[in-house]
């Protein structure tokens, strides 16, 4: 298969339009259509379908898009690495993964401190849930993953090393002006009649466990696709939500947080490959440990 067609397909998926993809890639719309049709012939399934406002991937196309994007990123990394060797530049970038809440503030700040004290370094940061990040470390596509032990918990594997960074206390995010907004802490019983929204099974499990210990039930009536969508539903007054304390520094201004009595906690860990670790992995882990250990306080 031609990688040009793969790039074309990924671009069409991102833009949702054959004409927009043609303009961005400087091709004719008919050339874009031919490339997509060629991929569909090779794979034996339709990859795109039309809708009122353009095109979108079919279920098979969405699966292909995910793998094509990963493959193209690796191809780009390989080309850059070869060119760096040619130009005498260190060729191995530092690839870091983190859960969405950690990728929103703590991890980028640690990378910034690393870059201020280290030699020039190419790096990348990608968010994901803990099981996915663990698998990517094993697959060799991540040098460092910053994860949590929230349900389903950490998977212990002799091929990787875990380093404990600290404990994170969960908080409740509320729309500004909510009656329970304030310094807190509040008991979860005071929020039992509220509508809750959750974006992943781990956070939902922590919320249900907290409510069950208090003898109440949390009504998780709404589901969000991701963390930003979850916070958006809170900001617009549709629900309240349990979020990681580490996220509070990166929240939008139309929401606020309140602490819970006996709040649920989760441990924060790094995962690195046991063999052939990246030379910059250990200094980054030290920066992360410093971030979580300042003054002996829990991260908030």
C-alpha atoms as a PDB file:
ATOM      1  CA  UNK A   1       0.000   0.000   0.000  1.00  0.00           C
ATOM      2  CA  UNK A   2       1.168   3.527  -0.801  1.00  0.00           C
ATOM      3  CA  UNK A   3       1.702   5.706   2.248  1.00  0.00           C
ATOM      4  CA  UNK A   4       0.467   8.696   0.234  1.00  0.00           C
ATOM      5  CA  UNK A   5      -3.001   7.152   0.190  1.00  0.00           C
ATOM      6  CA  UNK A   6      -2.804   6.501   3.928  1.00  0.00           C
ATOM      7  CA  UNK A   7      -1.982  10.176   4.564  1.00  0.00           C
ATOM      8  CA  UNK A   8      -4.809  11.215   2.278  1.00  0.00           C
ATOM      9  CA  UNK A   9      -7.300   8.999   4.117  1.00  0.00           C
ATOM     10  CA  UNK A  10      -6.227  10.317   7.540  1.00  0.00           C
ATOM     11  CA  UNK A  11      -6.527  13.909   6.276  1.00  0.00           C
ATOM     12  CA  UNK A  12     -10.022  13.296   4.882  1.00  0.00           C
ATOM     13  CA  UNK A  13     -11.070  11.794   8.225  1.00  0.00           C
ATOM     14  CA  UNK A  14      -9.699  14.801  10.113  1.00  0.00           C
ATOM     15  CA  UNK A  15     -11.350  17.392   7.860  1.00  0.00           C
ATOM     16  CA  UNK A  16     -14.540  15.464   7.097  1.00  0.00           C
ATOM     17  CA  UNK A  17     -14.495  16.678   3.500  1.00  0.00           C
ATOM     18  CA  UNK A  18     -12.937  15.505   0.238  1.00  0.00           C
ATOM     19  CA  UNK A  19     -12.724  19.050  -1.096  1.00  0.00           C
ATOM     20  CA  UNK A  20     -11.092  20.390   2.079  1.00  0.00           C
ATOM     21  CA  UNK A  21      -8.557  17.552   2.003  1.00  0.00           C
ATOM     22  CA  UNK A  22      -7.860  18.261  -1.686  1.00  0.00           C
ATOM     23  CA  UNK A  23      -7.185  21.924  -0.892  1.00  0.00           C
ATOM     24  CA  UNK A  24      -4.892  21.116   2.054  1.00  0.00           C
ATOM     25  CA  UNK A  25      -2.939  18.449   0.158  1.00  0.00           C
ATOM     26  CA  UNK A  26      -2.869  20.441  -3.111  1.00  0.00           C
ATOM     27  CA  UNK A  27      -4.520  17.629  -5.065  1.00  0.00           C
ATOM     28  CA  UNK A  28      -7.660  17.527  -7.166  1.00  0.00           C
ATOM     29  CA  UNK A  29     -10.797  16.147  -5.532  1.00  0.00           C
ATOM     30  CA  UNK A  30     -10.886  13.363  -8.108  1.00  0.00           C
ATOM     31  CA  UNK A  31      -7.329  12.341  -7.141  1.00  0.00           C
ATOM     32  CA  UNK A  32      -8.386  12.196  -3.491  1.00  0.00           C
ATOM     33  CA  UNK A  33     -11.380  10.031  -4.410  1.00  0.00           C
ATOM     34  CA  UNK A  34      -9.184   7.675  -6.455  1.00  0.00           C
ATOM     35  CA  UNK A  35      -6.762   7.198  -3.557  1.00  0.00           C
ATOM     36  CA  UNK A  36      -9.586   6.395  -1.125  1.00  0.00           C
ATOM     37  CA  UNK A  37     -11.156   4.016  -3.659  1.00  0.00           C
ATOM     38  CA  UNK A  38      -7.805   2.294  -4.141  1.00  0.00           C
ATOM     39  CA  UNK A  39      -7.476   1.716  -0.405  1.00  0.00           C
ATOM     40  CA  UNK A  40     -11.005   0.314  -0.268  1.00  0.00           C
ATOM     41  CA  UNK A  41     -10.213  -2.118  -3.106  1.00  0.00           C
ATOM     42  CA  UNK A  42      -7.056  -3.302  -1.368  1.00  0.00           C
ATOM     43  CA  UNK A  43      -8.784  -3.762   1.991  1.00  0.00           C
ATOM     44  CA  UNK A  44     -12.014  -5.131   0.564  1.00  0.00           C
ATOM     45  CA  UNK A  45     -14.306  -2.911   2.657  1.00  0.00           C
ATOM     46  CA  UNK A  46     -15.792   0.586   2.392  1.00  0.00           C
ATOM     47  CA  UNK A  47     -13.774   3.073   4.429  1.00  0.00           C
ATOM     48  CA  UNK A  48     -15.812   6.272   3.978  1.00  0.00           C
ATOM     49  CA  UNK A  49     -19.500   7.101   3.940  1.00  0.00           C
ATOM     50  CA  UNK A  50     -21.280  10.305   3.003  1.00  0.00           C
ATOM     51  CA  UNK A  51     -23.519  12.276   5.345  1.00  0.00           C
ATOM     52  CA  UNK A  52     -25.309  15.610   5.159  1.00  0.00           C
ATOM     53  CA  UNK A  53     -22.210  17.729   5.863  1.00  0.00           C
ATOM     54  CA  UNK A  54     -19.479  15.722   4.158  1.00  0.00           C
ATOM     55  CA  UNK A  55     -17.877  12.333   4.727  1.00  0.00           C
ATOM     56  CA  UNK A  56     -16.886  10.253   7.728  1.00  0.00           C
ATOM     57  CA  UNK A  57     -15.149   6.908   8.250  1.00  0.00           C
ATOM     58  CA  UNK A  58     -17.206   3.742   8.385  1.00  0.00           C
ATOM     59  CA  UNK A  59     -16.639   1.483  11.437  1.00  0.00           C
ATOM     60  CA  UNK A  60     -13.959  -0.328   9.419  1.00  0.00           C
ATOM     61  CA  UNK A  61     -12.563   3.025   8.318  1.00  0.00           C
ATOM     62  CA  UNK A  62     -12.308   4.218  11.915  1.00  0.00           C
ATOM     63  CA  UNK A  63     -10.304   1.115  12.825  1.00  0.00           C
ATOM     64  CA  UNK A  64      -8.015   1.688   9.841  1.00  0.00           C
ATOM     65  CA  UNK A  65      -7.689   5.417  10.665  1.00  0.00           C
ATOM     66  CA  UNK A  66      -6.450   4.618  14.172  1.00  0.00           C
ATOM     67  CA  UNK A  67      -3.774   2.198  12.970  1.00  0.00           C
ATOM     68  CA  UNK A  68      -2.844   4.315   9.943  1.00  0.00           C
ATOM     69  CA  UNK A  69      -2.257   7.356  12.141  1.00  0.00           C
ATOM     70  CA  UNK A  70      -0.004   5.325  14.454  1.00  0.00           C
ATOM     71  CA  UNK A  71       1.928   3.898  11.498  1.00  0.00           C
ATOM     72  CA  UNK A  72       2.367   7.290   9.835  1.00  0.00           C
ATOM     73  CA  UNK A  73       3.628   8.823  13.065  1.00  0.00           C
ATOM     74  CA  UNK A  74       6.208   6.054  13.324  1.00  0.00           C
ATOM     75  CA  UNK A  75       7.232   6.564   9.697  1.00  0.00           C
ATOM     76  CA  UNK A  76       7.712  10.290  10.324  1.00  0.00           C
ATOM     77  CA  UNK A  77       9.774   9.518  13.417  1.00  0.00           C
ATOM     78  CA  UNK A  78      11.942   7.102  11.417  1.00  0.00           C
ATOM     79  CA  UNK A  79      12.589   9.704   8.710  1.00  0.00           C
ATOM     80  CA  UNK A  80      13.479  12.358  11.286  1.00  0.00           C
ATOM     81  CA  UNK A  81      15.801   9.932  13.075  1.00  0.00           C
ATOM     82  CA  UNK A  82      17.676   9.113   9.865  1.00  0.00           C
ATOM     83  CA  UNK A  83      18.032  12.796   9.019  1.00  0.00           C
ATOM     84  CA  UNK A  84      19.263  13.540  12.524  1.00  0.00           C
ATOM     85  CA  UNK A  85      21.964  10.886  12.173  1.00  0.00           C
ATOM     86  CA  UNK A  86      22.922  12.423   8.834  1.00  0.00           C
ATOM     87  CA  UNK A  87      23.135  15.873  10.439  1.00  0.00           C
ATOM     88  CA  UNK A  88      24.952  14.710  13.564  1.00  0.00           C
ATOM     89  CA  UNK A  89      22.003  15.402  15.888  1.00  0.00           C
ATOM     90  CA  UNK A  90      21.086  12.945  18.703  1.00  0.00           C
ATOM     91  CA  UNK A  91      18.506  10.758  17.010  1.00  0.00           C
ATOM     92  CA  UNK A  92      16.385   9.330  19.792  1.00  0.00           C
ATOM     93  CA  UNK A  93      13.444  11.508  20.889  1.00  0.00           C
ATOM     94  CA  UNK A  94      11.892  11.103  24.325  1.00  0.00           C
ATOM     95  CA  UNK A  95       8.327   9.812  23.965  1.00  0.00           C
ATOM     96  CA  UNK A  96       6.109  10.381  26.989  1.00  0.00           C
ATOM     97  CA  UNK A  97       2.543   9.291  27.648  1.00  0.00           C
ATOM     98  CA  UNK A  98       0.285  10.411  30.484  1.00  0.00           C
ATOM     99  CA  UNK A  99      -3.306  10.128  31.589  1.00  0.00           C
ATOM    100  CA  UNK A 100      -5.377  13.140  30.422  1.00  0.00           C
ATOM    101  CA  UNK A 101      -5.400  14.865  33.818  1.00  0.00           C
ATOM    102  CA  UNK A 102      -1.636  14.498  34.234  1.00  0.00           C
ATOM    103  CA  UNK A 103      -0.977  15.531  30.627  1.00  0.00           C
ATOM    104  CA  UNK A 104      -2.904  18.757  31.309  1.00  0.00           C
ATOM    105  CA  UNK A 105      -0.355  20.258  33.692  1.00  0.00           C
ATOM    106  CA  UNK A 106       1.979  18.213  35.885  1.00  0.00           C
ATOM    107  CA  UNK A 107       3.795  16.331  33.119  1.00  0.00           C
ATOM    108  CA  UNK A 108       4.335  19.264  30.719  1.00  0.00           C
ATOM    109  CA  UNK A 109       5.696  21.321  33.618  1.00  0.00           C
ATOM    110  CA  UNK A 110       8.168  18.552  34.503  1.00  0.00           C
ATOM    111  CA  UNK A 111       9.276  18.315  30.869  1.00  0.00           C
ATOM    112  CA  UNK A 112       9.821  22.089  30.820  1.00  0.00           C
ATOM    113  CA  UNK A 113      12.086  21.869  33.882  1.00  0.00           C
ATOM    114  CA  UNK A 114      13.972  18.984  32.264  1.00  0.00           C
ATOM    115  CA  UNK A 115      14.544  20.987  29.089  1.00  0.00           C
ATOM    116  CA  UNK A 116      15.845  23.933  31.126  1.00  0.00           C
ATOM    117  CA  UNK A 117      18.564  21.776  32.682  1.00  0.00           C
ATOM    118  CA  UNK A 118      19.345  19.271  29.901  1.00  0.00           C
ATOM    119  CA  UNK A 119      20.904  19.316  26.463  1.00  0.00           C
ATOM    120  CA  UNK A 120      18.567  19.997  23.506  1.00  0.00           C
ATOM    121  CA  UNK A 121      16.064  17.165  23.312  1.00  0.00           C
ATOM    122  CA  UNK A 122      13.281  16.263  20.927  1.00  0.00           C
ATOM    123  CA  UNK A 123      10.238  14.958  22.757  1.00  0.00           C
ATOM    124  CA  UNK A 124       6.552  14.177  22.360  1.00  0.00           C
ATOM    125  CA  UNK A 125       3.633  13.850  24.785  1.00  0.00           C
ATOM    126  CA  UNK A 126       0.462  11.875  24.124  1.00  0.00           C
ATOM    127  CA  UNK A 127      -2.491  11.272  26.467  1.00  0.00           C
ATOM    128  CA  UNK A 128      -4.177   7.938  27.108  1.00  0.00           C
ATOM    129  CA  UNK A 129      -5.683   5.769  29.803  1.00  0.00           C
ATOM    130  CA  UNK A 130      -3.367   3.786  32.047  1.00  0.00           C
ATOM    131  CA  UNK A 131      -3.852   0.298  30.475  1.00  0.00           C
ATOM    132  CA  UNK A 132      -3.252   1.720  26.978  1.00  0.00           C
ATOM    133  CA  UNK A 133      -0.110   3.558  28.112  1.00  0.00           C
ATOM    134  CA  UNK A 134       1.237   0.413  29.801  1.00  0.00           C
ATOM    135  CA  UNK A 135       0.771  -1.496  26.530  1.00  0.00           C
ATOM    136  CA  UNK A 136       2.547   1.226  24.576  1.00  0.00           C
ATOM    137  CA  UNK A 137       5.578   1.078  26.884  1.00  0.00           C
ATOM    138  CA  UNK A 138       5.726  -2.679  26.304  1.00  0.00           C
ATOM    139  CA  UNK A 139       5.405  -2.144  22.548  1.00  0.00           C
ATOM    140  CA  UNK A 140       8.321   0.303  22.593  1.00  0.00           C
ATOM    141  CA  UNK A 141       6.363   3.345  21.383  1.00  0.00           C
ATOM    142  CA  UNK A 142       6.665   5.134  24.761  1.00  0.00           C
ATOM    143  CA  UNK A 143       9.800   5.709  26.840  1.00  0.00           C
ATOM    144  CA  UNK A 144       7.895   6.937  29.915  1.00  0.00           C
ATOM    145  CA  UNK A 145       4.251   6.614  30.921  1.00  0.00           C
ATOM    146  CA  UNK A 146       2.726   8.511  33.858  1.00  0.00           C
ATOM    147  CA  UNK A 147      -0.288   6.533  35.045  1.00  0.00           C
ATOM    148  CA  UNK A 148      -2.575   5.910  38.018  1.00  0.00           C
ATOM    149  CA  UNK A 149      -3.702   2.886  39.992  1.00  0.00           C
ATOM    150  CA  UNK A 150      -7.385   3.830  39.685  1.00  0.00           C
ATOM    151  CA  UNK A 151      -9.599   0.876  38.719  1.00  0.00           C
ATOM    152  CA  UNK A 152      -8.786  -1.491  37.078  1.00  0.00           C
ATOM    153  CA  UNK A 153      -5.453  -0.861  38.827  1.00  0.00           C
ATOM    154  CA  UNK A 154      -1.865  -1.236  37.719  1.00  0.00           C
ATOM    155  CA  UNK A 155      -0.781  -4.282  35.779  1.00  0.00           C
ATOM    156  CA  UNK A 156       2.505  -5.525  37.204  1.00  0.00           C
ATOM    157  CA  UNK A 157       4.826  -6.850  34.542  1.00  0.00           C
ATOM    158  CA  UNK A 158       8.468  -7.935  34.951  1.00  0.00           C
ATOM    159  CA  UNK A 159       9.349  -6.187  31.683  1.00  0.00           C
ATOM    160  CA  UNK A 160       8.735  -2.703  33.112  1.00  0.00           C
ATOM    161  CA  UNK A 161       9.658  -0.708  36.201  1.00  0.00           C
ATOM    162  CA  UNK A 162       7.091   1.199  38.272  1.00  0.00           C
ATOM    163  CA  UNK A 163       8.046   4.234  40.337  1.00  0.00           C
ATOM    164  CA  UNK A 164       5.609   5.658  42.868  1.00  0.00           C
ATOM    165  CA  UNK A 165       5.313   9.449  42.694  1.00  0.00           C
ATOM    166  CA  UNK A 166       2.572  10.301  45.160  1.00  0.00           C
ATOM    167  CA  UNK A 167      -1.118  10.249  45.992  1.00  0.00           C
ATOM    168  CA  UNK A 168      -3.738  12.342  44.237  1.00  0.00           C
ATOM    169  CA  UNK A 169      -6.931  13.299  46.060  1.00  0.00           C
ATOM    170  CA  UNK A 170     -10.078  13.406  43.932  1.00  0.00           C
ATOM    171  CA  UNK A 171     -12.291  16.504  44.096  1.00  0.00           C
ATOM    172  CA  UNK A 172     -15.751  17.415  42.845  1.00  0.00           C
ATOM    173  CA  UNK A 173     -16.009  19.913  40.000  1.00  0.00           C
ATOM    174  CA  UNK A 174     -19.080  22.164  40.003  1.00  0.00           C
ATOM    175  CA  UNK A 175     -20.399  24.978  37.813  1.00  0.00           C
ATOM    176  CA  UNK A 176     -19.581  28.438  39.158  1.00  0.00           C
ATOM    177  CA  UNK A 177     -22.402  29.547  41.454  1.00  0.00           C
ATOM    178  CA  UNK A 178     -23.400  26.041  42.510  1.00  0.00           C
ATOM    179  CA  UNK A 179     -24.853  26.000  46.057  1.00  0.00           C
ATOM    180  CA  UNK A 180     -22.118  23.637  47.265  1.00  0.00           C
ATOM    181  CA  UNK A 181     -19.254  25.675  45.811  1.00  0.00           C
ATOM    182  CA  UNK A 182     -16.758  26.807  48.415  1.00  0.00           C
ATOM    183  CA  UNK A 183     -13.673  25.661  50.252  1.00  0.00           C
ATOM    184  CA  UNK A 184     -15.371  22.549  51.676  1.00  0.00           C
ATOM    185  CA  UNK A 185     -14.924  19.808  52.416  1.00  0.00           C
ATOM    186  CA  UNK A 186     -18.447  18.501  51.887  1.00  0.00           C
ATOM    187  CA  UNK A 187     -19.865  15.061  52.515  1.00  0.00           C
ATOM    188  CA  UNK A 188     -20.906  13.130  49.454  1.00  0.00           C
ATOM    189  CA  UNK A 189     -24.349  12.675  51.053  1.00  0.00           C
ATOM    190  CA  UNK A 190     -24.909  16.403  50.407  1.00  0.00           C
ATOM    191  CA  UNK A 191     -24.449  15.740  46.667  1.00  0.00           C
ATOM    192  CA  UNK A 192     -26.412  12.495  46.434  1.00  0.00           C
ATOM    193  CA  UNK A 193     -29.382  14.090  44.652  1.00  0.00           C
ATOM    194  CA  UNK A 194     -27.186  15.617  41.927  1.00  0.00           C
ATOM    195  CA  UNK A 195     -26.729  14.347  38.375  1.00  0.00           C
ATOM    196  CA  UNK A 196     -23.167  13.136  37.817  1.00  0.00           C
ATOM    197  CA  UNK A 197     -21.227  12.730  34.573  1.00  0.00           C
ATOM    198  CA  UNK A 198     -18.308  10.362  34.003  1.00  0.00           C
ATOM    199  CA  UNK A 199     -15.910   9.790  31.137  1.00  0.00           C
ATOM    200  CA  UNK A 200     -14.229   6.492  32.029  1.00  0.00           C
ATOM    201  CA  UNK A 201     -14.851   3.354  34.054  1.00  0.00           C
ATOM    202  CA  UNK A 202     -12.016   4.000  36.523  1.00  0.00           C
ATOM    203  CA  UNK A 203     -13.327   7.363  37.681  1.00  0.00           C
ATOM    204  CA  UNK A 204     -16.892   6.020  37.787  1.00  0.00           C
ATOM    205  CA  UNK A 205     -15.733   3.142  39.998  1.00  0.00           C
ATOM    206  CA  UNK A 206     -14.077   5.546  42.457  1.00  0.00           C
ATOM    207  CA  UNK A 207     -17.270   7.607  42.622  1.00  0.00           C
ATOM    208  CA  UNK A 208     -19.499   4.578  43.189  1.00  0.00           C
ATOM    209  CA  UNK A 209     -17.172   3.230  45.884  1.00  0.00           C
ATOM    210  CA  UNK A 210     -17.148   6.595  47.674  1.00  0.00           C
ATOM    211  CA  UNK A 211     -20.945   6.817  47.571  1.00  0.00           C
ATOM    212  CA  UNK A 212     -21.392   3.217  48.726  1.00  0.00           C
ATOM    213  CA  UNK A 213     -19.135   3.789  51.763  1.00  0.00           C
ATOM    214  CA  UNK A 214     -21.388   6.713  52.694  1.00  0.00           C
ATOM    215  CA  UNK A 215     -24.557   4.659  52.215  1.00  0.00           C
ATOM    216  CA  UNK A 216     -25.832   6.630  49.201  1.00  0.00           C
ATOM    217  CA  UNK A 217     -25.956   6.161  45.438  1.00  0.00           C
ATOM    218  CA  UNK A 218     -24.353   8.477  42.896  1.00  0.00           C
ATOM    219  CA  UNK A 219     -26.626   8.980  39.880  1.00  0.00           C
ATOM    220  CA  UNK A 220     -24.254   8.763  36.916  1.00  0.00           C
ATOM    221  CA  UNK A 221     -26.856   9.716  34.324  1.00  0.00           C
ATOM    222  CA  UNK A 222     -24.525  11.269  31.741  1.00  0.00           C
ATOM    223  CA  UNK A 223     -21.507   9.901  29.900  1.00  0.00           C
ATOM    224  CA  UNK A 224     -18.778  12.050  28.334  1.00  0.00           C
ATOM    225  CA  UNK A 225     -16.387  11.076  25.576  1.00  0.00           C
ATOM    226  CA  UNK A 226     -13.331  12.490  27.354  1.00  0.00           C
ATOM    227  CA  UNK A 227     -12.200  14.740  30.194  1.00  0.00           C
ATOM    228  CA  UNK A 228     -12.743  18.092  28.390  1.00  0.00           C
ATOM    229  CA  UNK A 229     -16.269  17.010  27.421  1.00  0.00           C
ATOM    230  CA  UNK A 230     -16.943  15.979  31.008  1.00  0.00           C
ATOM    231  CA  UNK A 231     -15.879  19.381  32.341  1.00  0.00           C
ATOM    232  CA  UNK A 232     -17.908  21.111  29.609  1.00  0.00           C
ATOM    233  CA  UNK A 233     -21.078  19.339  30.773  1.00  0.00           C
ATOM    234  CA  UNK A 234     -20.351  20.593  34.293  1.00  0.00           C
ATOM    235  CA  UNK A 235     -19.669  24.143  33.118  1.00  0.00           C
ATOM    236  CA  UNK A 236     -23.011  24.282  31.305  1.00  0.00           C
ATOM    237  CA  UNK A 237     -24.903  23.124  34.376  1.00  0.00           C
ATOM    238  CA  UNK A 238     -25.893  19.643  33.248  1.00  0.00           C
ATOM    239  CA  UNK A 239     -24.066  17.706  35.957  1.00  0.00           C
ATOM    240  CA  UNK A 240     -21.269  17.605  38.510  1.00  0.00           C
ATOM    241  CA  UNK A 241     -18.279  15.288  38.346  1.00  0.00           C
ATOM    242  CA  UNK A 242     -15.438  13.660  40.239  1.00  0.00           C
ATOM    243  CA  UNK A 243     -12.069  14.704  38.830  1.00  0.00           C
ATOM    244  CA  UNK A 244      -8.407  14.250  39.784  1.00  0.00           C
ATOM    245  CA  UNK A 245      -6.991  16.875  42.107  1.00  0.00           C
ATOM    246  CA  UNK A 246      -3.996  17.330  39.776  1.00  0.00           C
ATOM    247  CA  UNK A 247      -6.365  18.769  37.198  1.00  0.00           C
ATOM    248  CA  UNK A 248      -7.483  21.750  39.277  1.00  0.00           C
ATOM    249  CA  UNK A 249      -4.588  23.920  38.091  1.00  0.00           C
ATOM    250  CA  UNK A 250      -5.707  23.536  34.472  1.00  0.00           C
ATOM    251  CA  UNK A 251      -9.493  23.912  34.784  1.00  0.00           C
ATOM    252  CA  UNK A 252     -11.500  26.410  32.756  1.00  0.00           C
ATOM    253  CA  UNK A 253     -12.703  29.516  34.566  1.00  0.00           C
ATOM    254  CA  UNK A 254     -16.439  28.702  34.469  1.00  0.00           C
ATOM    255  CA  UNK A 255     -16.111  25.777  36.883  1.00  0.00           C
ATOM    256  CA  UNK A 256     -14.913  25.449  40.462  1.00  0.00           C
ATOM    257  CA  UNK A 257     -14.038  22.584  42.780  1.00  0.00           C
ATOM    258  CA  UNK A 258     -14.887  21.484  46.287  1.00  0.00           C
ATOM    259  CA  UNK A 259     -13.056  18.958  48.447  1.00  0.00           C
ATOM    260  CA  UNK A 260     -14.797  15.836  49.754  1.00  0.00           C
ATOM    261  CA  UNK A 261     -14.716  14.470  53.287  1.00  0.00           C
ATOM    262  CA  UNK A 262     -12.638  11.258  53.171  1.00  0.00           C
ATOM    263  CA  UNK A 263     -12.040  11.834  49.469  1.00  0.00           C
ATOM    264  CA  UNK A 264     -11.064   8.888  47.282  1.00  0.00           C
ATOM    265  CA  UNK A 265      -7.421   8.853  46.284  1.00  0.00           C
ATOM    266  CA  UNK A 266      -5.349   7.261  43.569  1.00  0.00           C
ATOM    267  CA  UNK A 267      -1.647   6.592  43.365  1.00  0.00           C
ATOM    268  CA  UNK A 268       0.439   8.162  40.603  1.00  0.00           C
ATOM    269  CA  UNK A 269       3.224   6.070  39.073  1.00  0.00           C
ATOM    270  CA  UNK A 270       5.667   6.116  36.195  1.00  0.00           C
ATOM    271  CA  UNK A 271       6.235   3.126  33.928  1.00  0.00           C
ATOM    272  CA  UNK A 272       9.513   2.697  32.069  1.00  0.00           C
ATOM    273  CA  UNK A 273      10.939  -0.264  30.152  1.00  0.00           C
ATOM    274  CA  UNK A 274      13.339  -2.330  32.216  1.00  0.00           C
ATOM    275  CA  UNK A 275      15.718  -2.802  29.287  1.00  0.00           C
ATOM    276  CA  UNK A 276      17.251  -0.028  27.178  1.00  0.00           C
ATOM    277  CA  UNK A 277      15.618   2.952  28.931  1.00  0.00           C
ATOM    278  CA  UNK A 278      15.913   6.351  27.288  1.00  0.00           C
ATOM    279  CA  UNK A 279      18.884   8.338  28.676  1.00  0.00           C
ATOM    280  CA  UNK A 280      16.550  11.228  29.593  1.00  0.00           C
ATOM    281  CA  UNK A 281      13.950   9.032  31.295  1.00  0.00           C
ATOM    282  CA  UNK A 282      15.635   9.025  34.716  1.00  0.00           C
ATOM    283  CA  UNK A 283      16.063  12.843  34.846  1.00  0.00           C
ATOM    284  CA  UNK A 284      12.406  13.266  33.861  1.00  0.00           C
ATOM    285  CA  UNK A 285      11.321  10.869  36.606  1.00  0.00           C
ATOM    286  CA  UNK A 286      13.314  12.944  39.096  1.00  0.00           C
ATOM    287  CA  UNK A 287      11.532  16.101  37.934  1.00  0.00           C
ATOM    288  CA  UNK A 288       8.165  14.375  38.302  1.00  0.00           C
ATOM    289  CA  UNK A 289       9.059  13.124  41.773  1.00  0.00           C
ATOM    290  CA  UNK A 290      10.042  16.664  42.777  1.00  0.00           C
ATOM    291  CA  UNK A 291       6.693  17.978  41.517  1.00  0.00           C
ATOM    292  CA  UNK A 292       4.794  15.478  43.649  1.00  0.00           C
ATOM    293  CA  UNK A 293       7.008  15.843  46.716  1.00  0.00           C
ATOM    294  CA  UNK A 294       7.200  19.627  47.210  1.00  0.00           C
ATOM    295  CA  UNK A 295       6.682  20.346  50.878  1.00  0.00           C
ATOM    296  CA  UNK A 296       5.422  16.829  51.505  1.00  0.00           C
ATOM    297  CA  UNK A 297       1.979  17.873  50.248  1.00  0.00           C
ATOM    298  CA  UNK A 298      -0.358  15.725  48.263  1.00  0.00           C
ATOM    299  CA  UNK A 299      -0.766  16.975  44.688  1.00  0.00           C
ATOM    300  CA  UNK A 300      -3.911  19.107  44.359  1.00  0.00           C
END
